[in-house]
Amino acid sequence: MLTVIAAADATSSGLVEVFGLNIGHIIMQVISFSILAFVLYRYAFKPVFATIDERQSKIEDGLRYTEEMKSKLAEAEKETAEVMKKASLEAQQIITEARDSGKALLEKQTQEATSKAQDILTKAEHAIELERKKMLADVRDEISRLVVLTTSRVLSKELPEDEKQKYAESAAKELSNV
C-alpha cells in the first residue's frame, strides 16, 4: 500500500510541476477570494438583496391592493346594479301612477264634459219647448183672431169686442183640444 501512496505522491508532485502550481499562491488566492466574497456580500449583494426583497414586498402589496380593489369594484358594480334596478322599478311605478292619474283625469274630464253637454242639451230642449209653447200660443192667438175675423165676415156683421173675445176663446179651446 505504501507503494500506491508513494506513487500517488509522486503523481501529485508531478502535477504541481507539470502545471506550475504554487501552493502558496493558491492559498493566497483562496484567502483573497474569500475576503473579496465577504466584502461583496456585505456591501454589494446584501443591499441588492434587501432592495430586491423590498421591491418584492411592494409588488406583493400592490398585487394584494389590486385584488382588494377588484373585489371592491365588483361590490360597487353589484351595488350600482341594485341601485339601477331599484331606480328602474321606482321609475316604472311613477310611470304607472302617472298613467293611472292621467286615465282618472281623462275619465273625470270626460264625465264633466258629458255632464256639461247633457246640461246644455237639457237647457236647449227646455228653450225649444218654451219657444214651441210661445209659438203655439202666438199661433192660437193668430188663429183665434183669424177665426173671429172670418166669422164676422161670414156673418157679415160687425161683432162687438166682447163677442169677438168669446169666439176667440172658444176657438182657442178647440185648438187646444186638437
N, C-alpha and C. Protein backbone atom coordinates (compact mmCIF):
# COMPACT_ATOMS: atom_id res chain seq x y z
N MET A 1 0.78 -1.14 0.00
CA MET A 1 0.00 0.00 0.00
C MET A 1 0.87 1.26 0.00
N LEU A 2 1.90 1.12 0.60
CA LEU A 2 2.82 2.24 0.61
C LEU A 2 3.24 2.59 -0.79
N THR A 3 3.36 1.67 -1.58
CA THR A 3 3.76 1.94 -2.94
C THR A 3 2.68 2.73 -3.68
N VAL A 4 1.45 2.53 -3.35
CA VAL A 4 0.36 3.25 -4.01
C VAL A 4 0.39 4.69 -3.54
N ILE A 5 0.63 4.91 -2.24
CA ILE A 5 0.67 6.26 -1.70
C ILE A 5 1.87 6.98 -2.27
N ALA A 6 3.01 6.30 -2.32
CA ALA A 6 4.21 6.93 -2.86
C ALA A 6 4.00 7.24 -4.33
N ALA A 7 3.31 6.40 -5.04
CA ALA A 7 3.05 6.65 -6.46
C ALA A 7 2.09 7.81 -6.61
N ALA A 8 1.13 7.90 -5.74
CA ALA A 8 0.16 9.00 -5.80
C ALA A 8 0.86 10.29 -5.45
N ASP A 9 1.76 10.24 -4.45
CA ASP A 9 2.50 11.42 -4.05
C ASP A 9 3.40 11.87 -5.18
N ALA A 10 4.00 10.95 -5.84
CA ALA A 10 4.86 11.28 -6.97
C ALA A 10 4.03 11.85 -8.09
N THR A 11 2.82 11.33 -8.27
CA THR A 11 1.96 11.81 -9.33
C THR A 11 1.49 13.22 -8.99
N SER A 12 1.13 13.49 -7.71
CA SER A 12 0.71 14.81 -7.31
C SER A 12 1.83 15.80 -7.45
N SER A 13 3.00 15.44 -7.01
CA SER A 13 4.10 16.38 -7.16
C SER A 13 4.41 16.55 -8.62
N GLY A 14 4.16 15.58 -9.42
CA GLY A 14 4.35 15.70 -10.86
C GLY A 14 3.34 16.64 -11.46
N LEU A 15 2.19 16.63 -10.95
CA LEU A 15 1.15 17.52 -11.45
C LEU A 15 1.50 18.96 -11.12
N VAL A 16 1.94 19.17 -9.92
CA VAL A 16 2.29 20.50 -9.48
C VAL A 16 3.39 21.02 -10.38
N GLU A 17 4.37 20.20 -10.69
CA GLU A 17 5.47 20.64 -11.53
C GLU A 17 5.03 20.78 -12.97
N VAL A 18 4.18 19.89 -13.46
CA VAL A 18 3.76 19.93 -14.86
C VAL A 18 2.93 21.19 -15.10
N PHE A 19 2.03 21.49 -14.23
CA PHE A 19 1.14 22.66 -14.42
C PHE A 19 1.73 23.94 -13.82
N GLY A 20 2.69 23.87 -13.07
CA GLY A 20 3.33 25.03 -12.47
C GLY A 20 2.50 25.62 -11.36
N LEU A 21 1.92 24.77 -10.60
CA LEU A 21 1.10 25.23 -9.49
C LEU A 21 1.99 25.50 -8.29
N ASN A 22 1.65 26.66 -7.64
CA ASN A 22 2.37 27.00 -6.44
C ASN A 22 1.33 27.03 -5.33
N ILE A 23 1.49 26.20 -4.34
CA ILE A 23 0.53 26.03 -3.26
C ILE A 23 0.39 27.34 -2.50
N GLY A 24 1.40 28.07 -2.29
CA GLY A 24 1.34 29.33 -1.56
C GLY A 24 0.47 30.35 -2.30
N HIS A 25 0.65 30.38 -3.62
CA HIS A 25 -0.19 31.29 -4.41
C HIS A 25 -1.65 30.88 -4.38
N ILE A 26 -1.89 29.63 -4.41
CA ILE A 26 -3.28 29.14 -4.40
C ILE A 26 -3.93 29.50 -3.08
N ILE A 27 -3.20 29.32 -1.97
CA ILE A 27 -3.74 29.64 -0.67
C ILE A 27 -4.01 31.14 -0.59
N MET A 28 -3.08 31.97 -1.09
CA MET A 28 -3.25 33.41 -1.09
C MET A 28 -4.46 33.81 -1.94
N GLN A 29 -4.65 33.16 -3.06
CA GLN A 29 -5.80 33.48 -3.91
C GLN A 29 -7.11 33.06 -3.25
N VAL A 30 -7.09 31.94 -2.53
CA VAL A 30 -8.29 31.49 -1.83
C VAL A 30 -8.63 32.51 -0.73
N ILE A 31 -7.61 32.98 0.01
CA ILE A 31 -7.84 33.96 1.06
C ILE A 31 -8.34 35.27 0.44
N SER A 32 -7.69 35.73 -0.66
CA SER A 32 -8.12 36.97 -1.34
C SER A 32 -9.55 36.83 -1.86
N PHE A 33 -9.86 35.68 -2.45
CA PHE A 33 -11.21 35.46 -2.97
C PHE A 33 -12.22 35.48 -1.83
N SER A 34 -11.87 34.89 -0.70
CA SER A 34 -12.78 34.85 0.45
C SER A 34 -13.03 36.25 0.98
N ILE A 35 -11.94 37.04 1.07
CA ILE A 35 -12.11 38.42 1.54
C ILE A 35 -12.98 39.20 0.55
N LEU A 36 -12.69 39.06 -0.74
CA LEU A 36 -13.48 39.74 -1.77
C LEU A 36 -14.94 39.28 -1.72
N ALA A 37 -15.20 38.00 -1.56
CA ALA A 37 -16.56 37.48 -1.49
C ALA A 37 -17.27 38.05 -0.26
N PHE A 38 -16.56 38.12 0.90
CA PHE A 38 -17.16 38.67 2.10
C PHE A 38 -17.51 40.14 1.91
N VAL A 39 -16.58 40.93 1.35
CA VAL A 39 -16.81 42.36 1.14
C VAL A 39 -17.97 42.56 0.15
N LEU A 40 -17.93 41.82 -0.94
CA LEU A 40 -19.02 41.93 -1.93
C LEU A 40 -20.37 41.54 -1.31
N TYR A 41 -20.39 40.45 -0.53
CA TYR A 41 -21.63 40.01 0.08
C TYR A 41 -22.12 41.08 1.04
N ARG A 42 -21.21 41.61 1.89
CA ARG A 42 -21.58 42.56 2.94
C ARG A 42 -22.04 43.89 2.35
N TYR A 43 -21.30 44.44 1.38
CA TYR A 43 -21.58 45.79 0.90
C TYR A 43 -22.25 45.87 -0.47
N ALA A 44 -22.29 44.82 -1.21
CA ALA A 44 -22.91 44.87 -2.53
C ALA A 44 -24.14 43.97 -2.59
N PHE A 45 -23.97 42.68 -2.35
CA PHE A 45 -25.09 41.74 -2.51
C PHE A 45 -26.17 41.91 -1.45
N LYS A 46 -25.74 42.15 -0.18
CA LYS A 46 -26.72 42.28 0.88
C LYS A 46 -27.65 43.47 0.62
N PRO A 47 -27.17 44.69 0.26
CA PRO A 47 -28.11 45.78 -0.07
C PRO A 47 -28.95 45.47 -1.31
N VAL A 48 -28.32 44.82 -2.29
CA VAL A 48 -29.08 44.45 -3.50
C VAL A 48 -30.19 43.48 -3.14
N PHE A 49 -29.87 42.47 -2.32
CA PHE A 49 -30.89 41.51 -1.89
C PHE A 49 -31.97 42.20 -1.06
N ALA A 50 -31.56 43.16 -0.20
CA ALA A 50 -32.54 43.90 0.60
C ALA A 50 -33.46 44.71 -0.31
N THR A 51 -32.86 45.35 -1.33
CA THR A 51 -33.66 46.12 -2.29
C THR A 51 -34.60 45.19 -3.05
N ILE A 52 -34.10 44.05 -3.45
CA ILE A 52 -34.93 43.07 -4.17
C ILE A 52 -36.06 42.60 -3.26
N ASP A 53 -35.76 42.30 -2.00
CA ASP A 53 -36.80 41.86 -1.06
C ASP A 53 -37.85 42.97 -0.85
N GLU A 54 -37.35 44.22 -0.73
CA GLU A 54 -38.25 45.36 -0.55
C GLU A 54 -39.16 45.52 -1.77
N ARG A 55 -38.59 45.42 -2.94
CA ARG A 55 -39.39 45.53 -4.17
C ARG A 55 -40.37 44.37 -4.29
N GLN A 56 -39.92 43.20 -3.92
CA GLN A 56 -40.80 42.04 -3.95
C GLN A 56 -41.97 42.25 -2.99
N SER A 57 -41.66 42.82 -1.81
CA SER A 57 -42.71 43.10 -0.84
C SER A 57 -43.69 44.13 -1.39
N LYS A 58 -43.16 45.18 -2.03
CA LYS A 58 -44.03 46.21 -2.63
C LYS A 58 -44.88 45.61 -3.74
N ILE A 59 -44.30 44.76 -4.53
CA ILE A 59 -45.07 44.10 -5.62
C ILE A 59 -46.19 43.26 -5.03
N GLU A 60 -45.87 42.51 -3.96
CA GLU A 60 -46.90 41.68 -3.32
C GLU A 60 -48.00 42.56 -2.72
N ASP A 61 -47.59 43.67 -2.08
CA ASP A 61 -48.58 44.61 -1.54
C ASP A 61 -49.44 45.18 -2.66
N GLY A 62 -48.79 45.53 -3.76
CA GLY A 62 -49.54 46.05 -4.92
C GLY A 62 -50.52 45.03 -5.46
N LEU A 63 -50.10 43.79 -5.53
CA LEU A 63 -50.99 42.73 -6.01
C LEU A 63 -52.16 42.53 -5.05
N ARG A 64 -51.86 42.56 -3.73
CA ARG A 64 -52.94 42.44 -2.75
C ARG A 64 -53.91 43.61 -2.87
N TYR A 65 -53.35 44.82 -3.03
CA TYR A 65 -54.17 46.01 -3.19
C TYR A 65 -55.03 45.91 -4.45
N THR A 66 -54.43 45.40 -5.52
CA THR A 66 -55.17 45.21 -6.77
C THR A 66 -56.32 44.23 -6.57
N GLU A 67 -56.06 43.15 -5.87
CA GLU A 67 -57.12 42.17 -5.59
C GLU A 67 -58.22 42.79 -4.73
N GLU A 68 -57.83 43.58 -3.73
CA GLU A 68 -58.83 44.26 -2.89
C GLU A 68 -59.67 45.22 -3.74
N MET A 69 -58.99 45.95 -4.60
CA MET A 69 -59.70 46.91 -5.44
C MET A 69 -60.63 46.18 -6.43
N LYS A 70 -60.18 45.04 -6.92
CA LYS A 70 -61.06 44.26 -7.81
C LYS A 70 -62.31 43.82 -7.07
N SER A 71 -62.13 43.36 -5.83
CA SER A 71 -63.30 42.92 -5.07
C SER A 71 -64.20 44.10 -4.73
N LYS A 72 -63.59 45.25 -4.37
CA LYS A 72 -64.40 46.44 -4.09
C LYS A 72 -65.11 46.92 -5.34
N LEU A 73 -64.43 46.85 -6.48
CA LEU A 73 -65.05 47.25 -7.74
C LEU A 73 -66.23 46.33 -8.06
N ALA A 74 -66.04 45.03 -7.83
CA ALA A 74 -67.13 44.09 -8.07
C ALA A 74 -68.32 44.40 -7.15
N GLU A 75 -68.02 44.72 -5.87
CA GLU A 75 -69.09 45.08 -4.94
C GLU A 75 -69.79 46.37 -5.38
N ALA A 76 -68.97 47.34 -5.81
CA ALA A 76 -69.54 48.62 -6.26
C ALA A 76 -70.42 48.41 -7.49
N GLU A 77 -69.95 47.57 -8.42
CA GLU A 77 -70.77 47.27 -9.61
C GLU A 77 -72.06 46.57 -9.21
N LYS A 78 -71.97 45.68 -8.25
CA LYS A 78 -73.16 44.97 -7.79
C LYS A 78 -74.13 45.96 -7.14
N GLU A 79 -73.61 46.84 -6.29
CA GLU A 79 -74.46 47.85 -5.65
C GLU A 79 -75.06 48.79 -6.70
N THR A 80 -74.24 49.16 -7.70
CA THR A 80 -74.74 50.02 -8.77
C THR A 80 -75.87 49.33 -9.52
N ALA A 81 -75.68 48.05 -9.80
CA ALA A 81 -76.73 47.30 -10.50
C ALA A 81 -78.01 47.25 -9.66
N GLU A 82 -77.86 47.06 -8.35
CA GLU A 82 -79.02 47.03 -7.47
C GLU A 82 -79.72 48.39 -7.43
N VAL A 83 -78.91 49.46 -7.34
CA VAL A 83 -79.48 50.81 -7.33
C VAL A 83 -80.19 51.09 -8.64
N MET A 84 -79.57 50.69 -9.75
CA MET A 84 -80.20 50.89 -11.07
C MET A 84 -81.50 50.10 -11.16
N LYS A 85 -81.50 48.89 -10.66
CA LYS A 85 -82.70 48.07 -10.69
C LYS A 85 -83.80 48.72 -9.84
N LYS A 86 -83.40 49.21 -8.66
CA LYS A 86 -84.36 49.86 -7.77
C LYS A 86 -84.90 51.14 -8.42
N ALA A 87 -84.00 51.91 -9.03
CA ALA A 87 -84.42 53.15 -9.71
C ALA A 87 -85.35 52.83 -10.87
N SER A 88 -85.05 51.76 -11.59
CA SER A 88 -85.89 51.35 -12.71
C SER A 88 -87.29 50.97 -12.21
N LEU A 89 -87.34 50.22 -11.11
CA LEU A 89 -88.64 49.84 -10.55
C LEU A 89 -89.41 51.07 -10.08
N GLU A 90 -88.71 52.01 -9.43
CA GLU A 90 -89.37 53.24 -8.99
C GLU A 90 -89.87 54.05 -10.18
N ALA A 91 -89.06 54.09 -11.24
CA ALA A 91 -89.47 54.82 -12.45
C ALA A 91 -90.71 54.16 -13.05
N GLN A 92 -90.73 52.84 -13.11
CA GLN A 92 -91.90 52.13 -13.63
C GLN A 92 -93.13 52.42 -12.78
N GLN A 93 -92.92 52.45 -11.46
CA GLN A 93 -94.04 52.74 -10.55
C GLN A 93 -94.55 54.16 -10.77
N ILE A 94 -93.64 55.11 -10.92
CA ILE A 94 -94.04 56.50 -11.17
C ILE A 94 -94.78 56.61 -12.49
N ILE A 95 -94.27 55.92 -13.52
CA ILE A 95 -94.93 55.93 -14.84
C ILE A 95 -96.33 55.33 -14.73
N THR A 96 -96.44 54.23 -14.00
CA THR A 96 -97.75 53.59 -13.82
C THR A 96 -98.71 54.52 -13.08
N GLU A 97 -98.20 55.16 -12.03
CA GLU A 97 -99.04 56.10 -11.28
C GLU A 97 -99.46 57.27 -12.17
N ALA A 98 -98.52 57.76 -12.98
CA ALA A 98 -98.84 58.88 -13.88
C ALA A 98 -99.90 58.46 -14.90
N ARG A 99 -99.76 57.25 -15.44
CA ARG A 99 -100.76 56.75 -16.40
C ARG A 99 -102.13 56.64 -15.73
N ASP A 100 -102.13 56.04 -14.52
CA ASP A 100 -103.40 55.89 -13.80
C ASP A 100 -104.00 57.25 -13.50
N SER A 101 -103.16 58.17 -13.07
CA SER A 101 -103.64 59.53 -12.78
C SER A 101 -104.17 60.18 -14.04
N GLY A 102 -103.45 60.00 -15.15
CA GLY A 102 -103.90 60.56 -16.43
C GLY A 102 -105.23 59.97 -16.86
N LYS A 103 -105.35 58.65 -16.70
CA LYS A 103 -106.62 58.00 -17.06
C LYS A 103 -107.76 58.51 -16.19
N ALA A 104 -107.49 58.65 -14.87
CA ALA A 104 -108.52 59.14 -13.96
C ALA A 104 -108.91 60.57 -14.32
N LEU A 105 -107.90 61.39 -14.62
CA LEU A 105 -108.18 62.78 -15.00
C LEU A 105 -108.97 62.83 -16.30
N LEU A 106 -108.57 62.01 -17.27
CA LEU A 106 -109.28 61.96 -18.55
C LEU A 106 -110.72 61.51 -18.35
N GLU A 107 -110.90 60.49 -17.51
CA GLU A 107 -112.24 59.98 -17.24
C GLU A 107 -113.08 61.05 -16.55
N LYS A 108 -112.48 61.75 -15.58
CA LYS A 108 -113.20 62.79 -14.87
C LYS A 108 -113.59 63.92 -15.82
N GLN A 109 -112.64 64.33 -16.67
CA GLN A 109 -112.94 65.40 -17.62
C GLN A 109 -113.98 64.96 -18.64
N THR A 110 -113.92 63.70 -19.04
CA THR A 110 -114.92 63.17 -19.96
C THR A 110 -116.30 63.20 -19.32
N GLN A 111 -116.36 62.80 -18.05
CA GLN A 111 -117.64 62.82 -17.34
C GLN A 111 -118.15 64.25 -17.20
N GLU A 112 -117.22 65.17 -16.87
CA GLU A 112 -117.63 66.57 -16.75
C GLU A 112 -118.12 67.10 -18.08
N ALA A 113 -117.40 66.78 -19.16
CA ALA A 113 -117.82 67.24 -20.49
C ALA A 113 -119.17 66.64 -20.86
N THR A 114 -119.36 65.36 -20.56
CA THR A 114 -120.63 64.72 -20.84
C THR A 114 -121.75 65.38 -20.03
N SER A 115 -121.44 65.66 -18.77
CA SER A 115 -122.44 66.31 -17.91
C SER A 115 -122.79 67.69 -18.44
N LYS A 116 -121.74 68.46 -18.83
CA LYS A 116 -122.00 69.80 -19.36
C LYS A 116 -122.79 69.71 -20.67
N ALA A 117 -122.43 68.75 -21.51
CA ALA A 117 -123.16 68.58 -22.76
C ALA A 117 -124.61 68.22 -22.48
N GLN A 118 -124.81 67.35 -21.49
CA GLN A 118 -126.17 66.95 -21.13
C GLN A 118 -126.94 68.15 -20.60
N ASP A 119 -126.27 68.99 -19.77
CA ASP A 119 -126.92 70.20 -19.26
C ASP A 119 -127.29 71.14 -20.40
N ILE A 120 -126.35 71.32 -21.33
CA ILE A 120 -126.62 72.19 -22.48
C ILE A 120 -127.78 71.64 -23.29
N LEU A 121 -127.77 70.33 -23.50
CA LEU A 121 -128.84 69.68 -24.25
C LEU A 121 -130.18 69.85 -23.53
N THR A 122 -130.17 69.67 -22.22
CA THR A 122 -131.41 69.83 -21.44
C THR A 122 -131.90 71.27 -21.53
N LYS A 123 -130.97 72.24 -21.38
CA LYS A 123 -131.36 73.65 -21.48
C LYS A 123 -131.88 73.97 -22.87
N ALA A 124 -131.22 73.40 -23.89
CA ALA A 124 -131.67 73.63 -25.26
C ALA A 124 -133.07 73.06 -25.47
N GLU A 125 -133.28 71.84 -24.94
CA GLU A 125 -134.61 71.23 -25.08
C GLU A 125 -135.66 72.07 -24.35
N HIS A 126 -135.28 72.55 -23.18
CA HIS A 126 -136.20 73.39 -22.41
C HIS A 126 -136.50 74.68 -23.18
N ALA A 127 -135.42 75.30 -23.73
CA ALA A 127 -135.61 76.53 -24.50
C ALA A 127 -136.47 76.27 -25.74
N ILE A 128 -136.25 75.13 -26.39
CA ILE A 128 -137.05 74.77 -27.56
C ILE A 128 -138.50 74.58 -27.16
N GLU A 129 -138.70 73.89 -26.02
CA GLU A 129 -140.07 73.66 -25.55
C GLU A 129 -140.75 74.99 -25.23
N LEU A 130 -140.03 75.89 -24.57
CA LEU A 130 -140.61 77.21 -24.27
C LEU A 130 -140.92 77.96 -25.56
N GLU A 131 -139.99 77.90 -26.50
CA GLU A 131 -140.19 78.57 -27.79
C GLU A 131 -141.38 77.96 -28.52
N ARG A 132 -141.49 76.63 -28.46
CA ARG A 132 -142.63 75.95 -29.11
C ARG A 132 -143.94 76.37 -28.46
N LYS A 133 -143.96 76.42 -27.13
CA LYS A 133 -145.17 76.84 -26.42
C LYS A 133 -145.53 78.27 -26.78
N LYS A 134 -144.49 79.12 -26.84
CA LYS A 134 -144.74 80.51 -27.19
C LYS A 134 -145.29 80.60 -28.61
N MET A 135 -144.69 79.85 -29.54
CA MET A 135 -145.18 79.85 -30.92
C MET A 135 -146.60 79.34 -31.00
N LEU A 136 -146.88 78.25 -30.24
CA LEU A 136 -148.24 77.71 -30.23
C LEU A 136 -149.21 78.75 -29.70
N ALA A 137 -148.80 79.44 -28.65
CA ALA A 137 -149.68 80.48 -28.10
C ALA A 137 -149.88 81.58 -29.12
N ASP A 138 -148.78 82.00 -29.80
CA ASP A 138 -148.90 83.02 -30.83
C ASP A 138 -149.77 82.55 -31.98
N VAL A 139 -149.59 81.28 -32.37
CA VAL A 139 -150.39 80.72 -33.47
C VAL A 139 -151.85 80.66 -33.05
N ARG A 140 -152.12 80.26 -31.81
CA ARG A 140 -153.50 80.19 -31.33
C ARG A 140 -154.14 81.59 -31.36
N ASP A 141 -153.34 82.53 -30.86
CA ASP A 141 -153.88 83.90 -30.86
C ASP A 141 -154.17 84.35 -32.29
N GLU A 142 -153.25 84.06 -33.20
CA GLU A 142 -153.43 84.49 -34.59
C GLU A 142 -154.61 83.76 -35.22
N ILE A 143 -154.70 82.44 -34.94
CA ILE A 143 -155.81 81.65 -35.49
C ILE A 143 -157.13 82.16 -34.91
N SER A 144 -157.10 82.44 -33.62
CA SER A 144 -158.33 82.96 -32.98
C SER A 144 -158.74 84.27 -33.64
N ARG A 145 -157.78 85.15 -33.86
CA ARG A 145 -158.08 86.43 -34.50
C ARG A 145 -158.64 86.20 -35.90
N LEU A 146 -158.01 85.23 -36.64
CA LEU A 146 -158.48 84.94 -37.99
C LEU A 146 -159.88 84.32 -37.97
N VAL A 147 -160.11 83.45 -36.99
CA VAL A 147 -161.42 82.80 -36.87
C VAL A 147 -162.47 83.88 -36.59
N VAL A 148 -162.14 84.77 -35.70
CA VAL A 148 -163.09 85.84 -35.37
C VAL A 148 -163.32 86.70 -36.59
N LEU A 149 -162.28 87.05 -37.28
CA LEU A 149 -162.41 87.88 -38.48
C LEU A 149 -163.23 87.17 -39.54
N THR A 150 -162.92 85.88 -39.72
CA THR A 150 -163.64 85.10 -40.71
C THR A 150 -165.10 84.97 -40.31
N THR A 151 -165.36 84.72 -39.07
CA THR A 151 -166.71 84.57 -38.59
C THR A 151 -167.49 85.87 -38.77
N SER A 152 -166.83 86.96 -38.48
CA SER A 152 -167.53 88.24 -38.62
C SER A 152 -167.80 88.52 -40.09
N ARG A 153 -166.99 88.14 -40.97
CA ARG A 153 -167.23 88.35 -42.40
C ARG A 153 -168.32 87.40 -42.88
N VAL A 154 -168.26 86.15 -42.36
CA VAL A 154 -169.28 85.19 -42.75
C VAL A 154 -170.63 85.68 -42.26
N LEU A 155 -170.68 86.14 -41.14
CA LEU A 155 -171.93 86.61 -40.59
C LEU A 155 -172.25 88.01 -41.13
N SER A 156 -171.36 88.58 -41.78
CA SER A 156 -171.47 89.89 -42.41
C SER A 156 -171.93 90.94 -41.45
N LYS A 157 -171.45 90.91 -40.37
CA LYS A 157 -171.78 91.96 -39.46
C LYS A 157 -170.58 92.21 -38.56
N GLU A 158 -170.64 93.32 -38.03
CA GLU A 158 -169.57 93.76 -37.14
C GLU A 158 -169.95 93.25 -35.76
N LEU A 159 -168.97 92.51 -35.12
CA LEU A 159 -169.23 91.97 -33.79
C LEU A 159 -168.63 92.91 -32.76
N PRO A 160 -169.29 93.02 -31.67
CA PRO A 160 -168.70 93.82 -30.60
C PRO A 160 -167.47 93.10 -30.03
N GLU A 161 -166.71 93.82 -29.28
CA GLU A 161 -165.44 93.30 -28.74
C GLU A 161 -165.67 92.12 -27.82
N ASP A 162 -166.62 92.12 -26.99
CA ASP A 162 -166.84 91.01 -26.07
C ASP A 162 -167.26 89.75 -26.82
N GLU A 163 -167.98 89.89 -27.93
CA GLU A 163 -168.34 88.74 -28.77
C GLU A 163 -167.09 88.19 -29.44
N LYS A 164 -166.28 89.11 -29.94
CA LYS A 164 -165.02 88.69 -30.58
C LYS A 164 -164.17 87.92 -29.57
N GLN A 165 -164.15 88.38 -28.36
CA GLN A 165 -163.37 87.74 -27.32
C GLN A 165 -163.92 86.35 -27.04
N LYS A 166 -165.22 86.18 -27.00
CA LYS A 166 -165.86 84.87 -26.76
C LYS A 166 -165.49 83.89 -27.86
N TYR A 167 -165.64 84.34 -29.11
CA TYR A 167 -165.29 83.48 -30.24
C TYR A 167 -163.81 83.11 -30.21
N ALA A 168 -162.96 84.03 -29.85
CA ALA A 168 -161.51 83.77 -29.81
C ALA A 168 -161.19 82.73 -28.75
N GLU A 169 -161.83 82.85 -27.57
CA GLU A 169 -161.60 81.88 -26.51
C GLU A 169 -162.14 80.51 -26.90
N SER A 170 -163.27 80.50 -27.54
CA SER A 170 -163.88 79.26 -27.97
C SER A 170 -162.98 78.59 -29.00
N ALA A 171 -162.42 79.35 -29.93
CA ALA A 171 -161.53 78.80 -30.96
C ALA A 171 -160.23 78.31 -30.32
N ALA A 172 -159.75 79.04 -29.34
CA ALA A 172 -158.51 78.65 -28.66
C ALA A 172 -158.71 77.34 -27.93
N LYS A 173 -159.90 77.16 -27.29
CA LYS A 173 -160.18 75.91 -26.60
C LYS A 173 -160.24 74.76 -27.59
N GLU A 174 -160.86 75.00 -28.70
CA GLU A 174 -160.98 73.97 -29.73
C GLU A 174 -159.59 73.59 -30.26
N LEU A 175 -158.76 74.58 -30.47
CA LEU A 175 -157.40 74.31 -30.96
C LEU A 175 -156.57 73.61 -29.91
N SER A 176 -156.81 73.91 -28.66
CA SER A 176 -156.05 73.27 -27.59
C SER A 176 -156.40 71.81 -27.47
N ASN A 177 -157.64 71.46 -27.76
CA ASN A 177 -158.07 70.07 -27.68
C ASN A 177 -157.55 69.25 -28.85
N VAL A 178 -157.21 69.90 -29.93
CA VAL A 178 -156.76 69.18 -31.13
C VAL A 178 -155.41 68.72 -30.99
